[in-house]
Protein backbone atom coordinates (compact mmCIF):
# COMPACT_ATOMS: atom_id res chain seq x y z
CA MET A 1 -41.87 55.70 26.48
CA ALA A 2 -42.87 54.47 30.05
CA CYS A 3 -42.72 50.87 28.83
CA TRP A 4 -39.47 51.32 27.31
CA ALA A 5 -37.87 52.67 30.33
CA SER A 6 -39.20 49.94 32.46
CA VAL A 7 -37.60 47.32 30.04
CA ALA A 8 -34.29 49.26 30.12
CA VAL A 9 -34.38 49.46 33.93
CA SER A 10 -34.81 45.76 34.32
CA ALA A 11 -31.74 45.26 32.19
CA GLN A 12 -33.83 42.92 29.71
CA LEU A 13 -32.71 44.88 26.70
CA ILE A 14 -30.20 47.57 26.11
CA VAL A 15 -29.70 49.80 23.10
CA ASN A 16 -26.12 51.14 22.76
CA PRO A 17 -25.53 54.64 21.30
CA ASN A 18 -23.70 52.96 18.46
CA GLY A 19 -26.92 50.83 17.61
CA ASN A 20 -25.84 47.55 19.23
CA VAL A 21 -28.32 45.67 21.14
CA ALA A 22 -27.88 43.67 24.22
CA VAL A 23 -30.38 41.11 25.60
CA LYS A 24 -30.59 39.93 29.02
CA SER A 25 -27.27 41.64 29.91
CA GLU A 26 -26.18 44.86 31.43
CA GLU A 27 -22.82 44.97 29.75
CA THR A 28 -22.13 47.17 26.75
CA PRO A 29 -22.78 45.04 23.47
CA LEU A 30 -19.95 44.59 21.26
CA SER A 31 -21.86 42.70 18.68
CA ALA A 32 -24.83 44.06 16.74
CA LEU A 33 -26.95 41.62 18.66
CA SER A 34 -25.54 40.13 21.99
CA VAL A 35 -27.63 37.88 24.25
CA ASN A 36 -26.42 36.97 27.74
CA GLY A 37 -23.17 38.88 27.34
CA GLU A 38 -21.24 41.71 25.70
CA GLY A 39 -20.61 39.27 22.56
CA LEU A 40 -17.76 39.64 20.08
CA ALA A 41 -16.76 42.70 18.28
CA ARG A 42 -16.15 40.62 15.02
CA GLY A 43 -19.49 39.05 15.13
CA GLU A 44 -22.86 40.55 14.16
CA MET A 45 -24.68 38.33 16.35
CA SER A 46 -23.41 36.65 19.74
CA VAL A 47 -25.27 34.21 22.00
CA THR A 48 -23.78 33.10 25.39
CA SER A 49 -25.27 30.37 27.49
CA ASN A 50 -24.42 28.55 30.64
CA GLY A 51 -25.92 25.00 30.89
CA ARG A 52 -28.67 25.53 28.14
CA ASP A 53 -28.52 25.25 24.42
CA PRO A 54 -27.38 28.54 22.96
CA VAL A 55 -29.51 28.30 19.68
CA ILE A 56 -32.28 25.99 18.64
CA VAL A 57 -33.66 26.19 15.36
CA GLU A 58 -36.49 23.81 13.94
CA ARG A 59 -38.27 24.24 10.82
CA SER A 60 -41.37 22.17 9.46
CA GLY A 61 -43.50 22.35 6.35
CA THR A 62 -42.99 22.01 2.75
CA PRO A 63 -40.13 24.17 1.44
CA GLU A 64 -40.79 26.92 -1.22
CA ASN A 65 -40.78 25.38 -4.73
CA TYR A 66 -40.50 21.99 -3.19
CA ASP A 67 -36.69 22.49 -3.21
CA TRP A 68 -34.07 22.84 -0.58
CA GLY A 69 -35.33 23.18 3.16
CA HIS A 70 -32.75 24.44 5.57
CA ALA A 71 -33.12 24.50 9.16
CA VAL A 72 -29.81 26.56 9.17
CA GLU A 73 -28.22 27.99 6.10
CA ALA A 74 -24.70 29.73 6.19
CA ASN A 75 -23.24 31.36 3.19
CA ASN A 76 -19.67 32.55 3.09
CA LEU A 77 -18.96 34.63 0.00
CA VAL A 78 -15.28 33.99 -0.26
CA VAL A 79 -12.83 36.91 -0.80
CA PRO A 80 -9.03 36.89 -0.62
CA SER A 81 -8.12 35.68 2.78
CA ILE A 82 -6.31 32.76 4.41
CA PHE A 83 -9.14 30.66 5.93
CA ASN A 84 -12.79 30.65 4.76
CA VAL A 85 -15.25 28.59 6.55
CA GLY A 86 -18.96 28.08 5.80
CA VAL A 87 -19.99 26.29 9.12
CA ARG A 88 -17.49 25.94 12.07
CA GLY A 89 -17.99 23.49 14.84
CA ASN A 90 -15.93 23.04 17.98
CA ALA A 91 -16.58 20.74 20.89
CA HIS A 92 -13.67 20.26 23.22
CA SER A 93 -12.53 20.69 26.77
CA ILE A 94 -9.70 23.23 27.33
CA GLU A 95 -8.19 21.48 30.40
CA GLY A 96 -9.23 17.95 29.43
CA ILE A 97 -11.84 15.91 31.33
CA SER A 98 -12.11 11.93 31.70
CA GLY A 99 -15.88 11.60 30.85
CA GLY A 100 -18.40 12.51 28.15
CA ARG A 101 -18.03 12.56 24.40
CA ALA A 102 -17.32 15.33 21.95
CA TYR A 103 -18.49 16.00 18.42
CA GLY A 104 -17.34 18.75 16.44
CA VAL A 105 -19.91 18.36 13.90
CA TYR A 106 -22.77 15.77 14.39
CA GLY A 107 -24.94 14.93 11.49
CA THR A 108 -27.92 12.37 11.18
CA ALA A 109 -30.19 11.70 8.33
CA GLY A 110 -32.88 9.13 7.28
CA ASN A 111 -36.25 8.03 6.39
CA THR A 112 -36.36 9.79 2.90
CA SER A 113 -35.66 8.38 -0.73
CA ASP A 114 -33.95 5.14 -0.42
CA GLY A 115 -30.04 5.46 -1.13
CA TYR A 116 -30.07 9.26 -0.63
CA ASN A 117 -29.64 9.79 3.11
CA TYR A 118 -26.33 11.35 4.22
CA GLY A 119 -25.47 12.17 7.67
CA VAL A 120 -22.68 14.43 6.49
CA PHE A 121 -22.47 15.56 2.86
CA GLY A 122 -19.15 17.04 1.41
CA SER A 123 -18.51 18.23 -2.06
CA LEU A 124 -15.55 19.89 -4.01
CA LEU A 125 -16.66 22.63 -6.39
CA GLY A 126 -14.87 24.16 -9.14
CA THR A 127 -11.73 22.61 -10.94
CA LYS A 128 -8.99 23.18 -8.36
CA LYS A 129 -7.49 20.55 -6.30
CA GLY A 130 -8.65 19.49 -2.90
CA ALA A 131 -11.15 17.06 -1.14
CA GLY A 132 -14.81 16.99 -0.46
CA ILE A 133 -14.12 15.79 3.12
CA TYR A 134 -10.73 16.21 4.91
CA GLY A 135 -9.94 14.41 8.03
CA THR A 136 -6.84 14.45 10.27
CA CYS A 137 -5.59 13.26 13.60
CA ASN A 138 -2.99 16.11 13.65
CA ILE A 139 -3.53 19.68 14.88
CA ASN A 140 -3.22 21.61 11.51
CA ASN A 141 -5.29 23.64 9.10
CA GLY A 142 -4.87 21.25 6.25
CA LYS A 143 -2.27 20.30 3.85
CA TYR A 144 -1.68 20.56 0.14
CA ILE A 145 -3.65 17.88 -1.84
CA GLY A 146 -2.22 17.06 -5.34
CA GLY A 147 -5.52 16.02 -6.83
CA ARG A 148 -9.42 16.13 -6.58
CA TYR A 149 -10.81 13.61 -4.07
CA ALA A 150 -14.12 13.06 -2.56
CA GLY A 151 -12.32 12.21 0.69
CA TYR A 152 -8.59 12.72 1.91
CA PHE A 153 -7.40 11.36 5.13
CA ASP A 154 -4.15 12.61 6.86
CA GLY A 155 -3.36 9.99 9.15
CA ASN A 156 -4.34 6.31 10.06
CA VAL A 157 -7.79 5.14 8.62
CA HIS A 158 -9.53 2.23 10.52
CA VAL A 159 -12.67 0.51 8.79
CA ASN A 160 -14.68 -1.45 11.24
CA GLY A 161 -16.43 -3.55 8.41
CA GLU A 162 -16.03 -4.02 4.80
CA LEU A 163 -14.13 -1.75 2.62
CA THR A 164 -15.34 -1.87 -1.01
CA THR A 165 -13.30 -0.24 -3.69
CA ASN A 166 -13.14 -0.73 -7.72
CA THR A 167 -9.44 -1.41 -7.60
CA LEU A 168 -6.52 -1.00 -5.38
CA VAL A 169 -3.65 0.98 -6.80
CA PHE A 170 -0.37 2.15 -5.12
CA ASN A 171 1.17 5.36 -6.25
CA VAL A 172 4.89 5.25 -7.36
CA ARG A 173 6.08 8.39 -5.08
CA ASP A 174 8.02 11.09 -6.69
CA ASP A 175 10.02 11.60 -3.56
CA MET A 176 12.06 8.41 -3.19
CA ASP A 177 15.65 7.61 -3.78
CA SER A 178 15.75 4.17 -5.77
CA ILE A 179 18.29 1.52 -6.81
CA VAL A 180 17.96 -1.60 -8.76
CA ILE A 181 18.25 -4.94 -6.98
CA PRO A 182 20.06 -7.55 -9.20
CA PRO A 183 17.47 -10.30 -10.05
CA ILE A 184 18.29 -13.69 -8.24
CA ILE A 185 16.69 -15.47 -10.97
CA GLY A 186 16.36 -14.01 -14.44
CA GLY A 187 14.37 -14.96 -17.52
CA GLY A 188 14.94 -17.66 -19.82
CA ASP A 189 13.48 -20.37 -22.18
CA ILE A 190 13.53 -23.00 -19.45
CA PHE A 191 9.96 -21.88 -18.49
CA ARG A 192 7.00 -23.80 -20.14
CA PRO A 193 3.48 -22.34 -20.19
CA THR A 194 0.82 -24.46 -18.46
CA SER A 195 -1.99 -22.64 -20.12
CA ALA A 196 -3.24 -24.11 -23.41
CA SER A 197 -4.43 -20.47 -24.29
CA LYS A 198 -1.10 -19.27 -24.69
CA ASP A 199 -0.24 -17.94 -28.38
CA GLU A 200 2.64 -19.47 -30.17
CA GLY A 201 5.86 -17.42 -29.40
CA GLU A 202 4.23 -15.71 -26.42
CA ALA A 203 6.21 -15.56 -23.26
CA SER A 204 4.91 -17.25 -20.22
CA ILE A 205 3.79 -15.54 -17.09
CA ALA A 206 6.92 -16.88 -15.24
CA GLU A 207 9.14 -15.39 -18.13
CA LYS A 208 7.32 -12.01 -17.76
CA LEU A 209 7.59 -11.72 -14.01
CA ALA A 210 11.22 -12.92 -14.33
CA SER A 211 11.98 -10.00 -16.65
CA LEU A 212 10.69 -7.29 -14.17
CA THR A 213 13.18 -5.26 -12.38
CA VAL A 214 13.08 -5.05 -8.55
CA LEU A 215 13.72 -1.66 -6.94
CA GLN A 216 14.82 -0.86 -3.43
CA TYR A 217 14.18 2.61 -2.36
CA GLN A 218 13.97 5.12 0.59
CA TRP A 219 11.59 8.16 0.91
CA LYS A 220 13.67 11.37 0.90
CA SER A 221 11.95 13.36 3.40
CA SER A 222 8.54 14.29 4.89
CA ARG A 223 6.71 16.76 2.83
CA THR A 224 4.71 19.57 4.31
CA ALA A 225 1.81 21.89 3.17
CA ALA A 226 4.15 24.82 3.44
CA SER A 227 5.92 24.34 0.14
CA ALA A 228 5.85 25.66 -3.28
CA ASN A 229 2.66 23.77 -3.84
CA ALA A 230 0.86 26.49 -1.64
CA ILE A 231 -1.80 28.31 -3.48
CA GLU A 232 -1.02 31.91 -4.40
CA GLY A 233 -1.74 34.40 -1.54
CA ASP A 234 -1.75 31.80 1.13
CA THR A 235 0.68 32.84 3.81
CA ALA A 236 -0.21 30.28 6.34
CA SER A 237 2.71 28.00 7.14
CA VAL A 238 1.08 24.59 8.10
CA GLU A 239 3.52 22.06 9.58
CA THR A 240 2.33 18.36 9.67
CA SER A 241 3.70 16.14 12.33
CA ALA A 242 4.23 12.54 10.91
CA LEU A 243 2.42 9.84 12.70
CA PRO A 244 4.36 6.87 14.38
CA LEU A 245 4.10 4.48 11.15
CA ASN A 246 4.99 7.28 8.76
CA SER A 247 8.02 8.26 10.84
CA GLN A 248 9.15 4.68 10.57
CA ALA A 249 8.38 4.45 6.78
CA TYR A 250 11.11 7.33 6.26
CA THR A 251 13.88 5.32 7.95
CA LYS A 252 13.15 1.87 6.51
CA LYS A 253 14.00 0.48 3.02
CA HIS A 254 10.95 -0.40 0.74
CA TYR A 255 10.63 -2.49 -2.28
CA GLY A 256 8.87 -2.19 -5.54
CA ILE A 257 8.70 -2.98 -9.28
CA SER A 258 10.06 -0.72 -12.03
CA VAL A 259 6.92 0.79 -13.84
CA ASP A 260 8.54 0.66 -17.36
CA GLY A 261 9.13 -3.03 -17.40
CA LEU A 262 5.72 -3.72 -15.73
CA ARG A 263 3.90 -1.59 -18.43
CA GLU A 264 5.27 -3.70 -21.02
CA ALA A 265 4.89 -7.12 -19.49
CA PHE A 266 1.45 -6.29 -17.86
CA PRO A 267 0.00 -2.97 -19.17
CA ASP A 268 -3.24 -3.70 -17.18
CA LEU A 269 -1.49 -3.42 -13.78
CA VAL A 270 -0.34 0.14 -14.49
CA TYR A 271 -2.73 3.12 -13.77
CA GLU A 272 -2.28 6.84 -13.75
CA ASP A 273 -3.58 9.23 -11.29
CA GLN A 274 -5.31 12.74 -11.89
CA GLU A 275 -1.85 14.22 -12.25
CA GLY A 276 -0.63 11.45 -14.73
CA ASN A 277 1.69 9.88 -12.19
CA PRO A 278 2.09 6.15 -12.66
CA CYS A 279 0.42 3.68 -10.07
CA ILE A 280 0.84 -0.02 -9.73
CA ASN A 281 -1.87 -2.52 -8.92
CA TYR A 282 0.18 -4.80 -6.67
CA ILE A 283 -2.86 -6.73 -5.49
CA GLU A 284 -3.63 -8.18 -8.72
CA MET A 285 -0.15 -9.36 -9.02
CA ILE A 286 -0.74 -11.93 -6.51
CA PRO A 287 -2.79 -14.27 -9.05
CA LEU A 288 0.11 -13.88 -11.29
CA LEU A 289 2.54 -15.20 -8.83
CA VAL A 290 0.32 -18.12 -7.96
CA HIS A 291 0.16 -19.20 -11.61
CA CYS A 292 3.93 -18.69 -11.84
CA ILE A 293 4.34 -21.10 -8.98
CA GLY A 294 2.36 -23.65 -10.96
CA GLU A 295 4.33 -23.23 -14.08
CA LEU A 296 7.60 -23.75 -12.11
CA LYS A 297 6.39 -26.76 -10.44
CA ALA A 298 5.33 -28.17 -13.79
CA GLU A 299 8.88 -27.47 -15.31
CA VAL A 300 10.62 -28.96 -12.44
CA ALA A 301 8.58 -31.97 -12.52
CA ARG A 302 9.25 -32.29 -16.28
CA LEU A 303 13.02 -31.96 -15.64
CA GLU A 304 12.95 -34.47 -12.87
CA THR A 305 11.11 -37.04 -15.23
CA ILE A 306 13.75 -36.43 -17.98
CA ALA A 307 16.60 -37.00 -15.61
CA SER A 308 15.17 -39.98 -13.89
CA GLY A 309 14.54 -41.76 -17.16
CA LYS A 310 18.11 -41.15 -18.40
CA ALA A 311 19.40 -42.30 -15.13
CA ASN A 312 17.37 -45.64 -15.17
CA MET A 313 18.74 -46.33 -18.61
CA GLN A 314 22.37 -46.33 -17.35
CA LYS A 315 21.60 -48.73 -14.53
CA ALA A 316 23.58 -51.99 -14.69
CA PRO A 317 22.03 -55.31 -14.00
CA ALA A 318 22.24 -56.51 -10.37
CA SER A 319 23.99 -59.78 -11.28
CA THR A 320 25.96 -61.37 -14.12
CA GLY A 321 25.95 -64.98 -15.15
CA MET A 322 26.02 -67.50 -12.05
CA GLU A 323 28.00 -64.96 -9.96
CA GLU A 324 26.57 -64.11 -6.62
CA SER A 325 28.17 -60.53 -6.55
CA THR A 326 26.25 -57.38 -7.18
CA ALA A 327 27.52 -54.93 -9.65
CA VAL A 328 27.96 -51.38 -8.61
CA VAL A 329 25.15 -49.11 -9.86
CA ALA A 330 25.98 -45.31 -10.16
CA ALA A 331 23.73 -43.26 -7.95
CA LEU A 332 23.45 -39.62 -6.80
CA GLY A 333 22.18 -38.62 -3.22
CA GLN A 334 20.25 -35.69 -1.89
CA ASN A 335 22.38 -32.95 -0.62
CA GLU A 336 22.55 -32.44 3.14
CA PRO A 337 21.52 -30.16 4.60
CA ASN A 338 18.91 -28.68 2.40
CA PRO A 339 18.26 -26.00 2.20
CA PHE A 340 21.59 -24.82 3.43
CA THR A 341 23.37 -21.46 3.99
CA GLU A 342 27.07 -22.13 4.51
CA ASN A 343 27.99 -25.62 3.14
CA THR A 344 26.19 -28.64 2.03
CA GLU A 345 27.55 -32.08 1.13
CA ILE A 346 26.30 -34.38 -1.96
CA ALA A 347 27.00 -38.22 -1.69
CA TYR A 348 27.38 -40.33 -4.95
CA VAL A 349 28.36 -43.74 -5.86
CA LEU A 350 30.32 -44.67 -9.23
CA PRO A 351 31.22 -48.12 -10.72
CA ASP A 352 35.10 -48.77 -10.75
CA ASN A 353 35.18 -48.89 -14.67
CA VAL A 354 34.00 -45.35 -14.94
CA ARG A 355 36.74 -43.39 -16.90
CA SER A 356 35.46 -39.79 -16.22
CA ALA A 357 32.78 -38.06 -14.03
CA ALA A 358 31.78 -34.67 -12.55
CA LEU A 359 29.18 -33.13 -10.52
CA TYR A 360 27.69 -30.12 -12.42
CA ILE A 361 25.48 -27.34 -10.79
CA TYR A 362 22.93 -25.30 -12.84
CA ASP A 363 20.80 -22.43 -12.11
CA MET A 364 17.15 -22.28 -12.89
CA ASN A 365 17.79 -20.83 -16.26
CA GLY A 366 19.92 -24.07 -17.20
CA ALA A 367 23.10 -22.18 -17.19
CA GLN A 368 26.13 -24.03 -15.50
CA VAL A 369 27.46 -22.21 -12.52
CA ASP A 370 30.09 -24.61 -10.99
CA ALA A 371 31.52 -28.12 -11.64
CA PHE A 372 33.38 -30.61 -9.42
CA PRO A 373 35.57 -33.33 -11.23
CA ILE A 374 35.32 -36.76 -9.71
CA THR A 375 38.21 -39.34 -9.87
CA GLY A 376 37.92 -43.03 -9.20
CA GLY A 377 34.88 -45.26 -8.39
CA GLY A 378 33.03 -46.20 -5.39
CA ALA A 379 31.18 -44.01 -2.81
CA GLY A 380 32.25 -40.37 -2.20
CA THR A 381 30.94 -36.95 -1.44
CA VAL A 382 31.24 -33.48 -2.79
CA THR A 383 31.16 -30.38 -0.69
CA VAL A 384 29.50 -27.30 -2.08
CA GLU A 385 30.44 -23.94 -0.38
CA GLY A 386 27.61 -21.60 -0.12
CA GLY A 387 29.63 -18.51 -0.54
CA ARG A 388 30.39 -19.47 -4.17
CA LEU A 389 26.77 -19.05 -5.21
CA GLU A 390 24.05 -16.66 -4.93
CA ALA A 391 20.95 -17.30 -2.96
CA GLY A 392 18.23 -19.27 -4.93
CA MET A 393 17.28 -22.66 -6.25
CA TYR A 394 19.65 -24.79 -8.20
CA LEU A 395 19.81 -28.27 -10.05
CA TYR A 396 22.77 -30.39 -9.75
CA SER A 397 23.56 -33.51 -12.08
CA LEU A 398 26.03 -36.30 -11.88
CA ILE A 399 27.40 -37.11 -15.29
CA ALA A 400 29.70 -40.24 -15.88
CA ASP A 401 31.34 -41.11 -19.09
CA GLY A 402 29.03 -38.45 -20.88
CA LYS A 403 25.78 -39.86 -19.48
CA VAL A 404 23.51 -38.16 -16.95
CA ILE A 405 23.09 -40.48 -13.90
CA ASP A 406 20.77 -38.41 -11.93
CA THR A 407 19.57 -34.76 -11.30
CA LYS A 408 18.21 -33.24 -8.02
CA ARG A 409 17.33 -29.93 -6.55
CA MET A 410 18.97 -27.88 -3.85
CA ILE A 411 18.28 -24.52 -2.25
CA LEU A 412 20.62 -22.04 -0.97
CA THR A 413 19.49 -19.36 1.48
CA LYS A 414 21.46 -16.41 2.81
């Protein structure tokens, strides 16, 4: 009893009448065990420190049954409540300072079995939606996640190094207002395959791409976690502020491909997420576009070859008999300017004995979109007004007395 009284007098240990114990403190302990202060009434144990590490735990030796060896283990047997946390780590300055570094949770691991060292390990248990690791740049307590993910990031993600994925897919959002953009160039039988592996009757890649429907859409509004998706019993209202790039995304127009047409033309480019929502692999559409360019170039070259051959067959000889005069040869010039936005001029030359001639304009499907009758021989020009056509690439031909003189390309931009 004398020893106990001595300890109590020196204020090293105080036992409160309610059973709470204070160590190195003269204050009435609020926690069951309080060190260097009164503690917190909501905590069973509280350690307060100024300048020293409050708690240091070190373990060594082989764990029992050669199983899990924990330096610190915290189990939270969850009952109905809003926020349930296993371990919480805070490292921040209330007023803000200009130096130092802060780590809310700092984890290191290494030098064990190769390939099984994790600085931080997160796992999603059960069958309900969520994420093993959730990261955000906003001050919030999380948001609704519509699937099961190993990691979920609410904000910009920067990778300083290589990013490896199995495939890159983009979700078709369910909160967008979309309209169909009329295609500039539609499908047609003008395209020819460049691959020898194409089956008879199968559409070429260019034909399939031309058949797709382009959508223009805008996102409706920013979604928040405080919605009908909140779990039952969750009374927390969590507002998530949009990041600068996200805010711009809600005010700008976006462009995409209709899933239905893509699924029919290229089914391997359409995926489904965990909720069955369609996703499009836009990344792997790039090789198809490159191949399509090759198909179009081959077809244009074929058409130019045919047109050039027909034009050469119509050329008159340079002289007749002993005369020194040169006969006029029909010719078609390249439009100027090219490409053009408003108007462009096409020069031509026709012999005087031509009975009928005209300049015809065709789209890339071979359909005639305009015609300009020409009367009389000699040199002349035809002016094409850009306002009469849609933006795109066109072919124009000079036809005299039913024969194709020449065919060239022109491009209209808007």
